[in-house]
Amino acid sequence: REAAETLWSGGGKAPAPVNRADRRARSGAANSTRNPGSSSG
């Protein structure tokens, strides 16, 4: 819904493309904590 609202109120500008990790983060599926010793994963 947030992406739809952004497009709607942005005069037709599409939201920036998101990669798989961004989509997972938006849906709450991504684990926000990293394993110790991990940099970016």
PDB file of all heavy atoms in Angstrom:
ATOM      1  N   ARG A   1       0.829  -1.213   0.000  1.00  0.00           N
ATOM      2  CA  ARG A   1       0.000   0.000   0.000  1.00  0.00           C
ATOM      3  C   ARG A   1       0.866   1.268   0.000  1.00  0.00           C
ATOM      4  O   ARG A   1       0.554   2.241  -0.666  1.00  0.00           O
ATOM      5  CB  ARG A   1      -0.928  -0.009   1.209  1.00  0.00           C
ATOM      6  CG  ARG A   1      -1.839   1.207   1.290  1.00  0.00           C
ATOM      7  CD  ARG A   1      -2.833   1.094   2.431  1.00  0.00           C
ATOM      8  NE  ARG A   1      -3.708  -0.042   2.276  1.00  0.00           N
ATOM      9  CZ  ARG A   1      -4.779  -0.075   1.480  1.00  0.00           C
ATOM     10  NH1 ARG A   1      -5.086   0.983   0.779  1.00  0.00           N
ATOM     11  NH2 ARG A   1      -5.511  -1.150   1.389  1.00  0.00           N
ATOM     12  N   GLU A   2       1.960   1.247   0.737  1.00  0.00           N
ATOM     13  CA  GLU A   2       2.842   2.415   0.811  1.00  0.00           C
ATOM     14  C   GLU A   2       3.400   2.773  -0.575  1.00  0.00           C
ATOM     15  O   GLU A   2       3.439   3.939  -0.956  1.00  0.00           O
ATOM     16  CB  GLU A   2       3.987   2.149   1.783  1.00  0.00           C
ATOM     17  CG  GLU A   2       4.917   3.332   1.971  1.00  0.00           C
ATOM     18  CD  GLU A   2       6.042   2.992   2.938  1.00  0.00           C
ATOM     19  OE1 GLU A   2       5.843   2.203   3.875  1.00  0.00           O
ATOM     20  OE2 GLU A   2       7.148   3.546   2.735  1.00  0.00           O
ATOM     21  N   ALA A   3       3.816   1.784  -1.333  1.00  0.00           N
ATOM     22  CA  ALA A   3       4.330   2.031  -2.683  1.00  0.00           C
ATOM     23  C   ALA A   3       3.226   2.581  -3.579  1.00  0.00           C
ATOM     24  O   ALA A   3       3.457   3.480  -4.398  1.00  0.00           O
ATOM     25  CB  ALA A   3       4.906   0.746  -3.276  1.00  0.00           C
ATOM     26  N   ALA A   4       2.012   2.052  -3.419  1.00  0.00           N
ATOM     27  CA  ALA A   4       0.881   2.542  -4.209  1.00  0.00           C
ATOM     28  C   ALA A   4       0.583   4.001  -3.876  1.00  0.00           C
ATOM     29  O   ALA A   4       0.340   4.829  -4.772  1.00  0.00           O
ATOM     30  CB  ALA A   4      -0.349   1.675  -3.959  1.00  0.00           C
ATOM     31  N   GLU A   5       0.628   4.349  -2.596  1.00  0.00           N
ATOM     32  CA  GLU A   5       0.386   5.743  -2.188  1.00  0.00           C
ATOM     33  C   GLU A   5       1.470   6.664  -2.730  1.00  0.00           C
ATOM     34  O   GLU A   5       1.191   7.791  -3.150  1.00  0.00           O
ATOM     35  CB  GLU A   5       0.310   5.832  -0.665  1.00  0.00           C
ATOM     36  CG  GLU A   5      -0.950   5.220  -0.098  1.00  0.00           C
ATOM     37  CD  GLU A   5      -0.953   5.148   1.418  1.00  0.00           C
ATOM     38  OE1 GLU A   5       0.055   5.521   2.075  1.00  0.00           O
ATOM     39  OE2 GLU A   5      -1.976   4.683   1.974  1.00  0.00           O
ATOM     40  N   THR A   6       2.713   6.193  -2.729  1.00  0.00           N
ATOM     41  CA  THR A   6       3.810   6.988  -3.264  1.00  0.00           C
ATOM     42  C   THR A   6       3.601   7.268  -4.744  1.00  0.00           C
ATOM     43  O   THR A   6       3.751   8.403  -5.198  1.00  0.00           O
ATOM     44  CB  THR A   6       5.157   6.252  -3.058  1.00  0.00           C
ATOM     45  OG1 THR A   6       5.372   6.084  -1.656  1.00  0.00           O
ATOM     46  CG2 THR A   6       6.310   7.021  -3.662  1.00  0.00           C
ATOM     47  N   LEU A   7       3.228   6.253  -5.489  1.00  0.00           N
ATOM     48  CA  LEU A   7       2.984   6.439  -6.915  1.00  0.00           C
ATOM     49  C   LEU A   7       1.775   7.344  -7.135  1.00  0.00           C
ATOM     50  O   LEU A   7       1.812   8.257  -7.952  1.00  0.00           O
ATOM     51  CB  LEU A   7       2.760   5.094  -7.613  1.00  0.00           C
ATOM     52  CG  LEU A   7       2.697   5.205  -9.131  1.00  0.00           C
ATOM     53  CD1 LEU A   7       3.471   4.071  -9.759  1.00  0.00           C
ATOM     54  CD2 LEU A   7       1.283   5.214  -9.625  1.00  0.00           C
ATOM     55  N   TRP A   8       0.707   7.126  -6.397  1.00  0.00           N
ATOM     56  CA  TRP A   8      -0.527   7.891  -6.547  1.00  0.00           C
ATOM     57  C   TRP A   8      -0.286   9.377  -6.316  1.00  0.00           C
ATOM     58  O   TRP A   8      -0.659  10.212  -7.128  1.00  0.00           O
ATOM     59  CB  TRP A   8      -1.574   7.364  -5.560  1.00  0.00           C
ATOM     60  CG  TRP A   8      -2.898   8.051  -5.648  1.00  0.00           C
ATOM     61  CD1 TRP A   8      -3.362   9.059  -4.853  1.00  0.00           C
ATOM     62  CD2 TRP A   8      -3.933   7.778  -6.598  1.00  0.00           C
ATOM     63  NE1 TRP A   8      -4.618   9.422  -5.242  1.00  0.00           N
ATOM     64  CE2 TRP A   8      -4.986   8.648  -6.310  1.00  0.00           C
ATOM     65  CE3 TRP A   8      -4.054   6.885  -7.642  1.00  0.00           C
ATOM     66  CZ2 TRP A   8      -6.185   8.648  -7.049  1.00  0.00           C
ATOM     67  CZ3 TRP A   8      -5.236   6.874  -8.377  1.00  0.00           C
ATOM     68  CH2 TRP A   8      -6.270   7.754  -8.080  1.00  0.00           C
ATOM     69  N   SER A   9       0.364   9.698  -5.223  1.00  0.00           N
ATOM     70  CA  SER A   9       0.557  11.106  -4.877  1.00  0.00           C
ATOM     71  C   SER A   9       1.770  11.719  -5.556  1.00  0.00           C
ATOM     72  O   SER A   9       1.928  12.933  -5.535  1.00  0.00           O
ATOM     73  CB  SER A   9       0.674  11.260  -3.364  1.00  0.00           C
ATOM     74  OG  SER A   9       1.795  10.545  -2.888  1.00  0.00           O
ATOM     75  N   GLY A  10       2.594  10.905  -6.195  1.00  0.00           N
ATOM     76  CA  GLY A  10       3.780  11.410  -6.881  1.00  0.00           C
ATOM     77  C   GLY A  10       3.528  11.759  -8.330  1.00  0.00           C
ATOM     78  O   GLY A  10       4.471  11.916  -9.101  1.00  0.00           O
ATOM     79  N   GLY A  11       2.273  11.843  -8.720  1.00  0.00           N
ATOM     80  CA  GLY A  11       1.950  12.222 -10.085  1.00  0.00           C
ATOM     81  C   GLY A  11       2.337  11.161 -11.105  1.00  0.00           C
ATOM     82  O   GLY A  11       2.606  11.467 -12.254  1.00  0.00           O
ATOM     83  N   GLY A  12       2.393   9.915 -10.690  1.00  0.00           N
ATOM     84  CA  GLY A  12       2.690   8.840 -11.624  1.00  0.00           C
ATOM     85  C   GLY A  12       4.122   8.363 -11.581  1.00  0.00           C
ATOM     86  O   GLY A  12       4.478   7.418 -12.271  1.00  0.00           O
ATOM     87  N   LYS A  13       4.956   9.022 -10.781  1.00  0.00           N
ATOM     88  CA  LYS A  13       6.335   8.548 -10.653  1.00  0.00           C
ATOM     89  C   LYS A  13       6.332   7.249  -9.878  1.00  0.00           C
ATOM     90  O   LYS A  13       5.808   7.171  -8.769  1.00  0.00           O
ATOM     91  CB  LYS A  13       7.195   9.573  -9.914  1.00  0.00           C
ATOM     92  CG  LYS A  13       7.622  10.730 -10.737  1.00  0.00           C
ATOM     93  CD  LYS A  13       8.617  11.559  -9.948  1.00  0.00           C
ATOM     94  CE  LYS A  13       9.362  12.483 -10.869  1.00  0.00           C
ATOM     95  NZ  LYS A  13      10.360  13.248 -10.138  1.00  0.00           N
ATOM     96  N   ALA A  14       6.905   6.249 -10.488  1.00  0.00           N
ATOM     97  CA  ALA A  14       6.948   4.943  -9.839  1.00  0.00           C
ATOM     98  C   ALA A  14       7.921   4.974  -8.671  1.00  0.00           C
ATOM     99  O   ALA A  14       8.924   5.680  -8.708  1.00  0.00           O
ATOM    100  CB  ALA A  14       7.376   3.880 -10.845  1.00  0.00           C
ATOM    101  N   PRO A  15       7.625   4.206  -7.627  1.00  0.00           N
ATOM    102  CA  PRO A  15       8.585   4.111  -6.531  1.00  0.00           C
ATOM    103  C   PRO A  15       9.880   3.506  -7.045  1.00  0.00           C
ATOM    104  O   PRO A  15       9.878   2.777  -8.036  1.00  0.00           O
ATOM    105  CB  PRO A  15       7.905   3.174  -5.534  1.00  0.00           C
ATOM    106  CG  PRO A  15       6.573   2.839  -6.076  1.00  0.00           C
ATOM    107  CD  PRO A  15       6.450   3.408  -7.443  1.00  0.00           C
ATOM    108  N   ALA A  16      10.951   3.824  -6.396  1.00  0.00           N
ATOM    109  CA  ALA A  16      12.245   3.267  -6.802  1.00  0.00           C
ATOM    110  C   ALA A  16      12.166   1.753  -6.768  1.00  0.00           C
ATOM    111  O   ALA A  16      11.567   1.183  -5.863  1.00  0.00           O
ATOM    112  CB  ALA A  16      13.335   3.756  -5.859  1.00  0.00           C
ATOM    113  N   PRO A  17      12.762   1.105  -7.770  1.00  0.00           N
ATOM    114  CA  PRO A  17      12.737  -0.363  -7.760  1.00  0.00           C
ATOM    115  C   PRO A  17      13.386  -0.880  -6.499  1.00  0.00           C
ATOM    116  O   PRO A  17      14.338  -0.296  -5.998  1.00  0.00           O
ATOM    117  CB  PRO A  17      13.569  -0.739  -8.985  1.00  0.00           C
ATOM    118  CG  PRO A  17      13.693   0.486  -9.795  1.00  0.00           C
ATOM    119  CD  PRO A  17      13.496   1.644  -8.878  1.00  0.00           C
ATOM    120  N   VAL A  18      12.851  -1.946  -6.000  1.00  0.00           N
ATOM    121  CA  VAL A  18      13.420  -2.539  -4.801  1.00  0.00           C
ATOM    122  C   VAL A  18      13.944  -3.922  -5.127  1.00  0.00           C
ATOM    123  O   VAL A  18      13.402  -4.627  -5.960  1.00  0.00           O
ATOM    124  CB  VAL A  18      12.390  -2.624  -3.648  1.00  0.00           C
ATOM    125  CG1 VAL A  18      12.010  -1.252  -3.157  1.00  0.00           C
ATOM    126  CG2 VAL A  18      11.158  -3.397  -4.052  1.00  0.00           C
ATOM    127  N   ASN A  19      15.017  -4.258  -4.471  1.00  0.00           N
ATOM    128  CA  ASN A  19      15.557  -5.594  -4.678  1.00  0.00           C
ATOM    129  C   ASN A  19      14.898  -6.566  -3.711  1.00  0.00           C
ATOM    130  O   ASN A  19      14.067  -6.190  -2.893  1.00  0.00           O
ATOM    131  CB  ASN A  19      17.087  -5.587  -4.535  1.00  0.00           C
ATOM    132  CG  ASN A  19      17.522  -5.152  -3.152  1.00  0.00           C
ATOM    133  OD1 ASN A  19      16.841  -5.379  -2.174  1.00  0.00           O
ATOM    134  ND2 ASN A  19      18.667  -4.510  -3.080  1.00  0.00           N
ATOM    135  N   ARG A  20      15.260  -7.813  -3.808  1.00  0.00           N
ATOM    136  CA  ARG A  20      14.627  -8.857  -2.996  1.00  0.00           C
ATOM    137  C   ARG A  20      14.761  -8.559  -1.508  1.00  0.00           C
ATOM    138  O   ARG A  20      13.812  -8.711  -0.752  1.00  0.00           O
ATOM    139  CB  ARG A  20      15.249 -10.203  -3.323  1.00  0.00           C
ATOM    140  CG  ARG A  20      14.612 -11.336  -2.561  1.00  0.00           C
ATOM    141  CD  ARG A  20      15.243 -12.632  -2.918  1.00  0.00           C
ATOM    142  NE  ARG A  20      15.074 -12.863  -4.335  1.00  0.00           N
ATOM    143  CZ  ARG A  20      14.985 -14.042  -4.889  1.00  0.00           C
ATOM    144  NH1 ARG A  20      15.073 -15.105  -4.143  1.00  0.00           N
ATOM    145  NH2 ARG A  20      14.833 -14.175  -6.171  1.00  0.00           N
ATOM    146  N   ALA A  21      15.927  -8.104  -1.070  1.00  0.00           N
ATOM    147  CA  ALA A  21      16.127  -7.821   0.355  1.00  0.00           C
ATOM    148  C   ALA A  21      15.218  -6.685   0.814  1.00  0.00           C
ATOM    149  O   ALA A  21      14.652  -6.747   1.905  1.00  0.00           O
ATOM    150  CB  ALA A  21      17.592  -7.477   0.620  1.00  0.00           C
ATOM    151  N   ASP A  22      15.063  -5.654  -0.039  1.00  0.00           N
ATOM    152  CA  ASP A  22      14.173  -4.553   0.317  1.00  0.00           C
ATOM    153  C   ASP A  22      12.728  -5.028   0.419  1.00  0.00           C
ATOM    154  O   ASP A  22      11.997  -4.628   1.318  1.00  0.00           O
ATOM    155  CB  ASP A  22      14.267  -3.416  -0.699  1.00  0.00           C
ATOM    156  CG  ASP A  22      15.582  -2.668  -0.634  1.00  0.00           C
ATOM    157  OD1 ASP A  22      16.266  -2.738   0.420  1.00  0.00           O
ATOM    158  OD2 ASP A  22      15.938  -2.007  -1.631  1.00  0.00           O
ATOM    159  N   ARG A  23      12.295  -5.881  -0.536  1.00  0.00           N
ATOM    160  CA  ARG A  23      10.925  -6.400  -0.483  1.00  0.00           C
ATOM    161  C   ARG A  23      10.717  -7.210   0.791  1.00  0.00           C
ATOM    162  O   ARG A  23       9.690  -7.101   1.437  1.00  0.00           O
ATOM    163  CB  ARG A  23      10.630  -7.264  -1.706  1.00  0.00           C
ATOM    164  CG  ARG A  23      10.312  -6.471  -2.940  1.00  0.00           C
ATOM    165  CD  ARG A  23       9.693  -7.337  -4.016  1.00  0.00           C
ATOM    166  NE  ARG A  23      10.457  -8.498  -4.371  1.00  0.00           N
ATOM    167  CZ  ARG A  23      11.332  -8.571  -5.369  1.00  0.00           C
ATOM    168  NH1 ARG A  23      11.574  -7.526  -6.116  1.00  0.00           N
ATOM    169  NH2 ARG A  23      11.971  -9.685  -5.626  1.00  0.00           N
ATOM    170  N   ARG A  24      11.718  -8.030   1.154  1.00  0.00           N
ATOM    171  CA  ARG A  24      11.592  -8.825   2.364  1.00  0.00           C
ATOM    172  C   ARG A  24      11.544  -7.934   3.592  1.00  0.00           C
ATOM    173  O   ARG A  24      10.787  -8.188   4.520  1.00  0.00           O
ATOM    174  CB  ARG A  24      12.736  -9.824   2.453  1.00  0.00           C
ATOM    175  CG  ARG A  24      12.565 -10.932   1.428  1.00  0.00           C
ATOM    176  CD  ARG A  24      13.723 -11.879   1.372  1.00  0.00           C
ATOM    177  NE  ARG A  24      14.115 -12.362   2.685  1.00  0.00           N
ATOM    178  CZ  ARG A  24      15.305 -12.846   2.951  1.00  0.00           C
ATOM    179  NH1 ARG A  24      16.220 -12.931   2.019  1.00  0.00           N
ATOM    180  NH2 ARG A  24      15.599 -13.271   4.155  1.00  0.00           N
ATOM    181  N   ALA A  25      12.345  -6.872   3.596  1.00  0.00           N
ATOM    182  CA  ALA A  25      12.344  -5.959   4.737  1.00  0.00           C
ATOM    183  C   ALA A  25      10.997  -5.260   4.857  1.00  0.00           C
ATOM    184  O   ALA A  25      10.471  -5.094   5.954  1.00  0.00           O
ATOM    185  CB  ALA A  25      13.470  -4.941   4.593  1.00  0.00           C
ATOM    186  N   ARG A  26      10.414  -4.858   3.707  1.00  0.00           N
ATOM    187  CA  ARG A  26       9.108  -4.201   3.733  1.00  0.00           C
ATOM    188  C   ARG A  26       8.037  -5.123   4.277  1.00  0.00           C
ATOM    189  O   ARG A  26       7.123  -4.705   4.947  1.00  0.00           O
ATOM    190  CB  ARG A  26       8.692  -3.774   2.331  1.00  0.00           C
ATOM    191  CG  ARG A  26       9.201  -2.446   1.919  1.00  0.00           C
ATOM    192  CD  ARG A  26       8.572  -2.072   0.611  1.00  0.00           C
ATOM    193  NE  ARG A  26       8.871  -0.690   0.331  1.00  0.00           N
ATOM    194  CZ  ARG A  26       8.542  -0.090  -0.775  1.00  0.00           C
ATOM    195  NH1 ARG A  26       7.898  -0.739  -1.721  1.00  0.00           N
ATOM    196  NH2 ARG A  26       8.836   1.163  -0.963  1.00  0.00           N
ATOM    197  N   SER A  27       8.146  -6.402   3.941  1.00  0.00           N
ATOM    198  CA  SER A  27       7.126  -7.347   4.380  1.00  0.00           C
ATOM    199  C   SER A  27       7.390  -7.854   5.796  1.00  0.00           C
ATOM    200  O   SER A  27       6.592  -8.583   6.343  1.00  0.00           O
ATOM    201  CB  SER A  27       7.049  -8.534   3.419  1.00  0.00           C
ATOM    202  OG  SER A  27       8.197  -9.334   3.550  1.00  0.00           O
ATOM    203  N   GLY A  28       8.539  -7.472   6.364  1.00  0.00           N
ATOM    204  CA  GLY A  28       8.878  -7.923   7.706  1.00  0.00           C
ATOM    205  C   GLY A  28       9.497  -9.303   7.730  1.00  0.00           C
ATOM    206  O   GLY A  28       9.707  -9.871   8.781  1.00  0.00           O
ATOM    207  N   ALA A  29       9.800  -9.848   6.558  1.00  0.00           N
ATOM    208  CA  ALA A  29      10.346 -11.201   6.498  1.00  0.00           C
ATOM    209  C   ALA A  29      11.838 -11.244   6.747  1.00  0.00           C
ATOM    210  O   ALA A  29      12.383 -12.291   7.052  1.00  0.00           O
ATOM    211  CB  ALA A  29      10.051 -11.820   5.128  1.00  0.00           C
ATOM    212  N   ALA A  30      12.511 -10.127   6.605  1.00  0.00           N
ATOM    213  CA  ALA A  30      13.961 -10.130   6.775  1.00  0.00           C
ATOM    214  C   ALA A  30      14.318 -10.118   8.250  1.00  0.00           C
ATOM    215  O   ALA A  30      13.659  -9.502   9.066  1.00  0.00           O
ATOM    216  CB  ALA A  30      14.566  -8.911   6.083  1.00  0.00           C
ATOM    217  N   ASN A  31      15.380 -10.784   8.589  1.00  0.00           N
ATOM    218  CA  ASN A  31      15.886 -10.789   9.943  1.00  0.00           C
ATOM    219  C   ASN A  31      16.785  -9.569  10.089  1.00  0.00           C
ATOM    220  O   ASN A  31      17.748  -9.421   9.366  1.00  0.00           O
ATOM    221  CB  ASN A  31      16.654 -12.091  10.189  1.00  0.00           C
ATOM    222  CG  ASN A  31      17.166 -12.181  11.600  1.00  0.00           C
ATOM    223  OD1 ASN A  31      17.044 -11.233  12.369  1.00  0.00           O
ATOM    224  ND2 ASN A  31      17.730 -13.321  11.944  1.00  0.00           N
ATOM    225  N   SER A  32      16.466  -8.693  11.024  1.00  0.00           N
ATOM    226  CA  SER A  32      17.216  -7.447  11.121  1.00  0.00           C
ATOM    227  C   SER A  32      18.528  -7.592  11.867  1.00  0.00           C
ATOM    228  O   SER A  32      19.314  -6.672  11.897  1.00  0.00           O
ATOM    229  CB  SER A  32      16.354  -6.375  11.790  1.00  0.00           C
ATOM    230  OG  SER A  32      16.029  -6.782  13.101  1.00  0.00           O
ATOM    231  N   THR A  33      18.754  -8.728  12.495  1.00  0.00           N
ATOM    232  CA  THR A  33      20.019  -8.901  13.197  1.00  0.00           C
ATOM    233  C   THR A  33      20.935  -9.790  12.380  1.00  0.00           C
ATOM    234  O   THR A  33      20.512 -10.743  11.761  1.00  0.00           O
ATOM    235  CB  THR A  33      19.795  -9.530  14.591  1.00  0.00           C
ATOM    236  OG1 THR A  33      19.149 -10.779  14.430  1.00  0.00           O
ATOM    237  CG2 THR A  33      18.970  -8.621  15.475  1.00  0.00           C
ATOM    238  N   ARG A  34      22.204  -9.421  12.398  1.00  0.00           N
ATOM    239  CA  ARG A  34      23.194 -10.200  11.657  1.00  0.00           C
ATOM    240  C   ARG A  34      23.896 -11.141  12.607  1.00  0.00           C
ATOM    241  O   ARG A  34      23.956 -10.915  13.812  1.00  0.00           O
ATOM    242  CB  ARG A  34      24.224  -9.264  11.017  1.00  0.00           C
ATOM    243  CG  ARG A  34      23.627  -8.425   9.926  1.00  0.00           C
ATOM    244  CD  ARG A  34      24.709  -7.720   9.171  1.00  0.00           C
ATOM    245  NE  ARG A  34      25.488  -6.848  10.035  1.00  0.00           N
ATOM    246  CZ  ARG A  34      25.718  -5.579   9.796  1.00  0.00           C
ATOM    247  NH1 ARG A  34      25.258  -5.023   8.717  1.00  0.00           N
ATOM    248  NH2 ARG A  34      26.439  -4.860  10.610  1.00  0.00           N
ATOM    249  N   ASN A  35      24.465 -12.168  12.047  1.00  0.00           N
ATOM    250  CA  ASN A  35      25.265 -13.075  12.848  1.00  0.00           C
ATOM    251  C   ASN A  35      26.528 -12.367  13.292  1.00  0.00           C
ATOM    252  O   ASN A  35      27.060 -11.528  12.574  1.00  0.00           O
ATOM    253  CB  ASN A  35      25.656 -14.310  12.019  1.00  0.00           C
ATOM    254  CG  ASN A  35      24.466 -15.172  11.722  1.00  0.00           C
ATOM    255  OD1 ASN A  35      23.509 -15.187  12.489  1.00  0.00           O
ATOM    256  ND2 ASN A  35      24.518 -15.886  10.615  1.00  0.00           N
ATOM    257  N   PRO A  36      27.045 -12.697  14.454  1.00  0.00           N
ATOM    258  CA  PRO A  36      28.295 -12.074  14.887  1.00  0.00           C
ATOM    259  C   PRO A  36      29.390 -12.336  13.856  1.00  0.00           C
ATOM    260  O   PRO A  36      29.485 -13.406  13.293  1.00  0.00           O
ATOM    261  CB  PRO A  36      28.614 -12.778  16.212  1.00  0.00           C
ATOM    262  CG  PRO A  36      27.320 -13.359  16.671  1.00  0.00           C
ATOM    263  CD  PRO A  36      26.518 -13.623  15.429  1.00  0.00           C
ATOM    264  N   GLY A  37      30.176 -11.331  13.617  1.00  0.00           N
ATOM    265  CA  GLY A  37      31.280 -11.466  12.678  1.00  0.00           C
ATOM    266  C   GLY A  37      30.858 -11.270  11.238  1.00  0.00           C
ATOM    267  O   GLY A  37      31.677 -11.311  10.335  1.00  0.00           O
ATOM    268  N   SER A  38      29.592 -11.036  11.009  1.00  0.00           N
ATOM    269  CA  SER A  38      29.101 -10.836   9.652  1.00  0.00           C
ATOM    270  C   SER A  38      29.148  -9.362   9.326  1.00  0.00           C
ATOM    271  O   SER A  38      28.861  -8.521  10.166  1.00  0.00           O
ATOM    272  CB  SER A  38      27.657 -11.329   9.555  1.00  0.00           C
ATOM    273  OG  SER A  38      27.104 -10.975   8.322  1.00  0.00           O
ATOM    274  N   SER A  39      29.517  -9.050   8.094  1.00  0.00           N
ATOM    275  CA  SER A  39      29.467  -7.641   7.693  1.00  0.00           C
ATOM    276  C   SER A  39      28.116  -7.392   7.080  1.00  0.00           C
ATOM    277  O   SER A  39      27.124  -7.271   7.757  1.00  0.00           O
ATOM    278  CB  SER A  39      30.618  -7.310   6.750  1.00  0.00           C
ATOM    279  OG  SER A  39      30.566  -8.145   5.602  1.00  0.00           O
ATOM    280  N   SER A  40      28.016  -7.384   5.775  1.00  0.00           N
ATOM    281  CA  SER A  40      26.743  -7.101   5.131  1.00  0.00           C
ATOM    282  C   SER A  40      25.932  -8.358   4.882  1.00  0.00           C
ATOM    283  O   SER A  40      24.787  -8.293   4.497  1.00  0.00           O
ATOM    284  CB  SER A  40      26.981  -6.405   3.798  1.00  0.00           C
ATOM    285  OG  SER A  40      27.606  -7.308   2.904  1.00  0.00           O
ATOM    286  N   GLY A  41      26.534  -9.491   5.042  1.00  0.00           N
ATOM    287  CA  GLY A  41      25.835 -10.729   4.754  1.00  0.00           C
ATOM    288  C   GLY A  41      26.067 -11.212   3.341  1.00  0.00           C
ATOM    289  O   GLY A  41      25.713 -12.303   2.988  1.00  0.00           O
TER     290      GLY A  41
END
